């Protein structure tokens, strides 16, 4: 969660750079990951891991919503609107270029 989610994203990228590793063999599920890398990193990550990477978020989680200068989220967000419910059908998958305007970012200014 939080830094651990961000670290999982970075470690997947580093493992893929190792000789003999196929990016199709790398699957990442992160929980509550904050912003990781810049726009260039996010684009490269998405091109290589788009089908095998999921960033799970919930409610108006302030860790996920914390902004850093020039930071980017990687795509494929699975957003649970109600932070107390993690049940089938209670989530929304955001996997396009405008995901930040559909999922957790929609509650950015919530209390």
N, C-alpha and C. Protein backbone atom coordinates (compact mmCIF):
# COMPACT_ATOMS: atom_id res chain seq x y z
N UNK A 1 0.84 -1.17 0.00
CA UNK A 1 0.00 0.00 0.00
C UNK A 1 0.88 1.24 0.00
N UNK A 2 0.48 2.28 -0.71
CA UNK A 2 1.23 3.53 -0.74
C UNK A 2 2.59 3.35 -1.41
N UNK A 3 3.65 3.55 -0.62
CA UNK A 3 5.00 3.43 -1.16
C UNK A 3 5.28 2.03 -1.67
N UNK A 4 4.72 1.03 -1.01
CA UNK A 4 4.91 -0.35 -1.47
C UNK A 4 4.30 -0.57 -2.85
N UNK A 5 3.15 0.04 -3.09
CA UNK A 5 2.51 -0.07 -4.41
C UNK A 5 3.36 0.60 -5.48
N UNK A 6 3.91 1.76 -5.15
CA UNK A 6 4.78 2.46 -6.08
C UNK A 6 6.05 1.65 -6.32
N UNK A 7 6.60 1.08 -5.26
CA UNK A 7 7.81 0.28 -5.38
C UNK A 7 7.58 -0.95 -6.25
N UNK A 8 6.42 -1.59 -6.14
CA UNK A 8 6.11 -2.75 -6.98
C UNK A 8 6.16 -2.37 -8.46
N UNK A 9 5.68 -1.19 -8.79
CA UNK A 9 5.70 -0.71 -10.17
C UNK A 9 7.14 -0.53 -10.66
N UNK A 10 7.97 0.07 -9.84
CA UNK A 10 9.36 0.32 -10.21
C UNK A 10 10.14 -0.99 -10.30
N UNK A 11 9.91 -1.91 -9.37
CA UNK A 11 10.62 -3.19 -9.39
C UNK A 11 10.27 -3.99 -10.65
N UNK A 12 9.02 -3.96 -11.05
CA UNK A 12 8.62 -4.66 -12.29
C UNK A 12 9.41 -4.12 -13.47
N UNK A 13 9.57 -2.83 -13.52
CA UNK A 13 10.33 -2.18 -14.59
C UNK A 13 11.80 -2.63 -14.55
N UNK A 14 12.38 -2.69 -13.36
CA UNK A 14 13.78 -3.08 -13.22
C UNK A 14 13.99 -4.56 -13.54
N UNK A 15 13.08 -5.41 -13.12
CA UNK A 15 13.19 -6.84 -13.43
C UNK A 15 13.12 -7.07 -14.93
N UNK A 16 12.25 -6.34 -15.60
CA UNK A 16 12.12 -6.49 -17.05
C UNK A 16 13.40 -6.13 -17.77
N UNK A 17 14.21 -5.25 -17.19
CA UNK A 17 15.47 -4.83 -17.82
C UNK A 17 16.55 -5.90 -17.69
N UNK A 18 16.31 -6.93 -16.88
CA UNK A 18 17.29 -8.00 -16.70
C UNK A 18 17.33 -8.90 -17.92
N UNK A 19 18.51 -9.41 -18.27
CA UNK A 19 18.63 -10.30 -19.43
C UNK A 19 17.76 -11.55 -19.27
N UNK A 20 17.09 -11.93 -20.34
CA UNK A 20 16.30 -13.15 -20.35
C UNK A 20 14.90 -13.03 -19.78
N UNK A 21 14.50 -11.85 -19.36
CA UNK A 21 13.17 -11.66 -18.78
C UNK A 21 12.23 -11.15 -19.86
N UNK A 22 11.08 -11.77 -19.98
CA UNK A 22 10.06 -11.38 -20.95
C UNK A 22 8.98 -10.57 -20.22
N UNK A 23 8.66 -9.38 -20.71
CA UNK A 23 7.67 -8.53 -20.04
C UNK A 23 6.30 -9.20 -19.94
N UNK A 24 6.02 -10.17 -20.81
CA UNK A 24 4.74 -10.89 -20.73
C UNK A 24 4.66 -11.78 -19.49
N UNK A 25 5.81 -12.04 -18.87
CA UNK A 25 5.84 -12.86 -17.66
C UNK A 25 5.71 -12.04 -16.38
N UNK A 26 5.65 -10.72 -16.52
CA UNK A 26 5.58 -9.84 -15.34
C UNK A 26 4.14 -9.36 -15.15
N UNK A 27 3.60 -9.64 -13.99
CA UNK A 27 2.25 -9.21 -13.62
C UNK A 27 2.36 -8.38 -12.35
N UNK A 28 1.71 -7.22 -12.32
CA UNK A 28 1.79 -6.33 -11.16
C UNK A 28 0.38 -5.98 -10.68
N UNK A 29 0.17 -6.18 -9.38
CA UNK A 29 -1.06 -5.73 -8.72
C UNK A 29 -0.60 -4.85 -7.57
N UNK A 30 -0.89 -3.55 -7.65
CA UNK A 30 -0.48 -2.65 -6.57
C UNK A 30 -1.73 -2.09 -5.89
N UNK A 31 -1.58 -1.75 -4.63
CA UNK A 31 -2.70 -1.26 -3.83
C UNK A 31 -2.33 0.10 -3.25
N UNK A 32 -3.13 1.11 -3.59
CA UNK A 32 -2.91 2.44 -3.05
C UNK A 32 -1.62 3.09 -3.51
N UNK A 33 -1.18 2.79 -4.70
CA UNK A 33 0.08 3.36 -5.19
C UNK A 33 -0.08 4.85 -5.48
N UNK A 34 0.90 5.59 -5.04
CA UNK A 34 0.94 7.01 -5.38
C UNK A 34 1.51 7.19 -6.79
N UNK A 35 1.83 8.41 -7.11
CA UNK A 35 2.40 8.73 -8.43
C UNK A 35 3.80 8.13 -8.55
N UNK A 36 4.08 7.55 -9.72
CA UNK A 36 5.36 6.89 -9.94
C UNK A 36 5.97 7.42 -11.23
N UNK A 37 7.15 8.01 -11.14
CA UNK A 37 7.85 8.45 -12.34
C UNK A 37 7.20 9.64 -13.03
N UNK A 38 7.78 10.01 -14.16
CA UNK A 38 7.26 11.13 -14.94
C UNK A 38 6.41 10.60 -16.09
N UNK A 39 5.99 11.47 -16.98
CA UNK A 39 5.13 11.09 -18.09
C UNK A 39 5.82 10.07 -19.01
N UNK A 40 7.11 10.24 -19.25
CA UNK A 40 7.85 9.31 -20.09
C UNK A 40 7.90 7.91 -19.49
N UNK A 41 8.14 7.84 -18.17
CA UNK A 41 8.14 6.53 -17.50
C UNK A 41 6.77 5.88 -17.59
N UNK A 42 5.73 6.65 -17.30
CA UNK A 42 4.37 6.10 -17.33
C UNK A 42 4.03 5.58 -18.72
N UNK A 43 4.41 6.31 -19.76
CA UNK A 43 4.11 5.88 -21.13
C UNK A 43 4.85 4.58 -21.46
N UNK A 44 6.13 4.52 -21.12
CA UNK A 44 6.92 3.31 -21.37
C UNK A 44 6.34 2.12 -20.59
N UNK A 45 5.99 2.34 -19.34
CA UNK A 45 5.43 1.28 -18.50
C UNK A 45 4.13 0.75 -19.11
N UNK A 46 3.27 1.65 -19.50
CA UNK A 46 1.99 1.26 -20.08
C UNK A 46 2.16 0.49 -21.39
N UNK A 47 3.14 0.86 -22.20
CA UNK A 47 3.38 0.16 -23.47
C UNK A 47 3.84 -1.28 -23.23
N UNK A 48 4.55 -1.51 -22.13
CA UNK A 48 5.10 -2.83 -21.86
C UNK A 48 4.26 -3.71 -20.94
N UNK A 49 3.48 -3.10 -20.05
CA UNK A 49 2.77 -3.88 -19.04
C UNK A 49 1.27 -3.62 -19.02
N UNK A 50 0.75 -2.99 -20.05
CA UNK A 50 -0.65 -2.57 -20.07
C UNK A 50 -1.63 -3.69 -19.74
N UNK A 51 -1.41 -4.87 -20.23
CA UNK A 51 -2.34 -5.98 -20.02
C UNK A 51 -2.07 -6.75 -18.73
N UNK A 52 -0.95 -6.47 -18.06
CA UNK A 52 -0.57 -7.23 -16.88
C UNK A 52 -0.34 -6.38 -15.64
N UNK A 53 -0.88 -5.20 -15.60
CA UNK A 53 -0.65 -4.32 -14.46
C UNK A 53 -1.97 -3.69 -14.01
N UNK A 54 -2.24 -3.80 -12.71
CA UNK A 54 -3.48 -3.27 -12.15
C UNK A 54 -3.16 -2.47 -10.90
N UNK A 55 -3.67 -1.26 -10.82
CA UNK A 55 -3.46 -0.35 -9.69
C UNK A 55 -4.80 -0.20 -8.98
N UNK A 56 -4.94 -0.84 -7.82
CA UNK A 56 -6.20 -0.83 -7.09
C UNK A 56 -6.24 0.38 -6.16
N UNK A 57 -7.34 1.14 -6.26
CA UNK A 57 -7.54 2.32 -5.40
C UNK A 57 -8.92 2.24 -4.76
N UNK A 58 -9.13 3.06 -3.73
CA UNK A 58 -10.43 3.03 -3.05
C UNK A 58 -10.82 4.42 -2.57
N UNK A 59 -12.12 4.68 -2.62
CA UNK A 59 -12.68 5.92 -2.09
C UNK A 59 -11.92 7.14 -2.52
N UNK A 60 -11.65 7.99 -1.56
CA UNK A 60 -10.88 9.22 -1.79
C UNK A 60 -9.54 9.12 -1.07
N UNK A 61 -8.84 8.04 -1.27
CA UNK A 61 -7.57 7.75 -0.61
C UNK A 61 -6.56 8.86 -0.85
N UNK A 62 -6.17 9.52 0.21
CA UNK A 62 -5.27 10.67 0.09
C UNK A 62 -3.85 10.30 -0.32
N UNK A 63 -3.43 9.06 -0.04
CA UNK A 63 -2.11 8.63 -0.51
C UNK A 63 -2.07 8.63 -2.03
N UNK A 64 -3.10 8.10 -2.63
CA UNK A 64 -3.18 8.02 -4.09
C UNK A 64 -3.33 9.41 -4.70
N UNK A 65 -4.05 10.29 -4.00
CA UNK A 65 -4.34 11.62 -4.54
C UNK A 65 -3.24 12.65 -4.28
N UNK A 66 -2.24 12.30 -3.47
CA UNK A 66 -1.16 13.23 -3.19
C UNK A 66 -0.39 13.51 -4.48
N UNK A 67 -0.24 14.77 -4.76
CA UNK A 67 0.43 15.17 -6.00
C UNK A 67 1.91 15.45 -5.76
N UNK A 68 2.72 15.07 -6.73
CA UNK A 68 4.13 15.46 -6.74
C UNK A 68 4.39 16.11 -8.09
N UNK A 69 5.32 17.01 -8.10
CA UNK A 69 5.62 17.74 -9.33
C UNK A 69 6.06 16.76 -10.43
N UNK A 70 5.40 16.83 -11.56
CA UNK A 70 5.70 16.03 -12.74
C UNK A 70 5.46 14.53 -12.54
N UNK A 71 4.70 14.14 -11.53
CA UNK A 71 4.42 12.73 -11.28
C UNK A 71 3.25 12.25 -12.11
N UNK A 72 3.24 10.95 -12.39
CA UNK A 72 2.18 10.33 -13.19
C UNK A 72 1.75 9.02 -12.57
N UNK A 73 0.47 8.71 -12.71
CA UNK A 73 -0.01 7.37 -12.37
C UNK A 73 0.14 6.51 -13.61
N UNK A 74 0.40 5.23 -13.41
CA UNK A 74 0.36 4.30 -14.53
C UNK A 74 -1.09 3.86 -14.70
N UNK A 75 -1.43 3.40 -15.90
CA UNK A 75 -2.81 3.08 -16.21
C UNK A 75 -3.28 1.76 -15.62
N UNK A 76 -4.53 1.47 -15.94
CA UNK A 76 -5.27 0.30 -15.47
C UNK A 76 -5.58 0.41 -13.98
N UNK A 77 -6.36 1.42 -13.67
CA UNK A 77 -6.82 1.61 -12.29
C UNK A 77 -8.11 0.83 -12.07
N UNK A 78 -8.18 0.15 -10.95
CA UNK A 78 -9.41 -0.51 -10.51
C UNK A 78 -9.84 0.26 -9.26
N UNK A 79 -10.92 1.05 -9.39
CA UNK A 79 -11.34 1.97 -8.33
C UNK A 79 -12.59 1.47 -7.63
N UNK A 80 -12.48 1.29 -6.32
CA UNK A 80 -13.62 0.96 -5.48
C UNK A 80 -14.08 2.27 -4.84
N UNK A 81 -15.25 2.76 -5.24
CA UNK A 81 -15.75 4.04 -4.75
C UNK A 81 -15.95 4.03 -3.25
N UNK A 82 -16.54 2.94 -2.73
CA UNK A 82 -16.77 2.82 -1.30
C UNK A 82 -15.56 2.14 -0.67
N UNK A 83 -14.80 2.86 0.18
CA UNK A 83 -13.58 2.29 0.74
C UNK A 83 -13.83 1.11 1.68
N UNK A 84 -15.07 0.88 2.07
CA UNK A 84 -15.38 -0.23 2.98
C UNK A 84 -15.88 -1.46 2.25
N UNK A 85 -16.05 -1.36 0.93
CA UNK A 85 -16.55 -2.48 0.14
C UNK A 85 -15.54 -2.88 -0.91
N UNK A 86 -15.16 -4.13 -0.90
CA UNK A 86 -14.32 -4.69 -1.95
C UNK A 86 -15.02 -5.93 -2.47
N UNK A 87 -16.17 -5.71 -3.07
CA UNK A 87 -16.95 -6.85 -3.56
C UNK A 87 -17.13 -6.76 -5.07
N UNK A 88 -17.45 -7.89 -5.65
CA UNK A 88 -17.64 -7.98 -7.09
C UNK A 88 -18.72 -6.99 -7.53
N UNK A 89 -18.40 -6.22 -8.55
CA UNK A 89 -19.36 -5.28 -9.10
C UNK A 89 -19.35 -3.90 -8.46
N UNK A 90 -18.60 -3.74 -7.37
CA UNK A 90 -18.54 -2.45 -6.69
C UNK A 90 -17.32 -1.63 -7.11
N UNK A 91 -16.80 -1.90 -8.29
CA UNK A 91 -15.61 -1.20 -8.76
C UNK A 91 -15.79 -0.72 -10.19
N UNK A 92 -14.88 0.15 -10.60
CA UNK A 92 -14.86 0.65 -11.97
C UNK A 92 -13.43 0.49 -12.49
N UNK A 93 -13.30 -0.01 -13.70
CA UNK A 93 -11.98 -0.16 -14.31
C UNK A 93 -11.74 1.03 -15.23
N UNK A 94 -10.65 1.72 -15.00
CA UNK A 94 -10.27 2.88 -15.81
C UNK A 94 -8.95 2.54 -16.49
N UNK A 95 -8.98 2.40 -17.79
CA UNK A 95 -7.79 1.96 -18.50
C UNK A 95 -7.48 2.75 -19.75
N UNK A 96 -8.00 3.96 -19.83
CA UNK A 96 -7.69 4.76 -21.02
C UNK A 96 -6.88 5.99 -20.65
N UNK A 97 -6.58 6.81 -21.63
CA UNK A 97 -5.72 7.97 -21.39
C UNK A 97 -6.35 9.03 -20.51
N UNK A 98 -7.64 8.98 -20.29
CA UNK A 98 -8.31 9.97 -19.45
C UNK A 98 -8.76 9.39 -18.12
N UNK A 99 -8.11 8.33 -17.66
CA UNK A 99 -8.56 7.65 -16.46
C UNK A 99 -8.60 8.56 -15.24
N UNK A 100 -7.69 9.53 -15.15
CA UNK A 100 -7.67 10.37 -13.96
C UNK A 100 -8.93 11.22 -13.82
N UNK A 101 -9.70 11.33 -14.86
CA UNK A 101 -10.93 12.11 -14.80
C UNK A 101 -12.15 11.22 -14.61
N UNK A 102 -11.94 9.93 -14.41
CA UNK A 102 -13.05 9.00 -14.29
C UNK A 102 -13.10 8.31 -12.93
N UNK A 103 -12.00 8.00 -12.35
CA UNK A 103 -11.99 7.17 -11.15
C UNK A 103 -11.66 7.98 -9.91
N UNK A 104 -10.57 7.64 -9.25
CA UNK A 104 -10.28 8.27 -7.96
C UNK A 104 -10.14 9.79 -8.07
N UNK A 105 -9.68 10.28 -9.18
CA UNK A 105 -9.51 11.73 -9.34
C UNK A 105 -10.84 12.48 -9.30
N UNK A 106 -11.97 11.78 -9.49
CA UNK A 106 -13.26 12.45 -9.44
C UNK A 106 -13.63 12.87 -8.02
N UNK A 107 -12.95 12.30 -7.02
CA UNK A 107 -13.25 12.63 -5.62
C UNK A 107 -12.11 13.42 -4.97
N UNK A 108 -11.28 13.99 -5.79
CA UNK A 108 -10.07 14.68 -5.32
C UNK A 108 -10.33 15.72 -4.23
N UNK A 109 -11.39 16.45 -4.35
CA UNK A 109 -11.67 17.52 -3.40
C UNK A 109 -12.65 17.11 -2.31
N UNK A 110 -12.89 15.80 -2.16
CA UNK A 110 -13.80 15.30 -1.11
C UNK A 110 -13.14 15.43 0.26
N UNK A 111 -13.98 15.55 1.30
CA UNK A 111 -13.40 15.65 2.67
C UNK A 111 -12.75 14.37 3.11
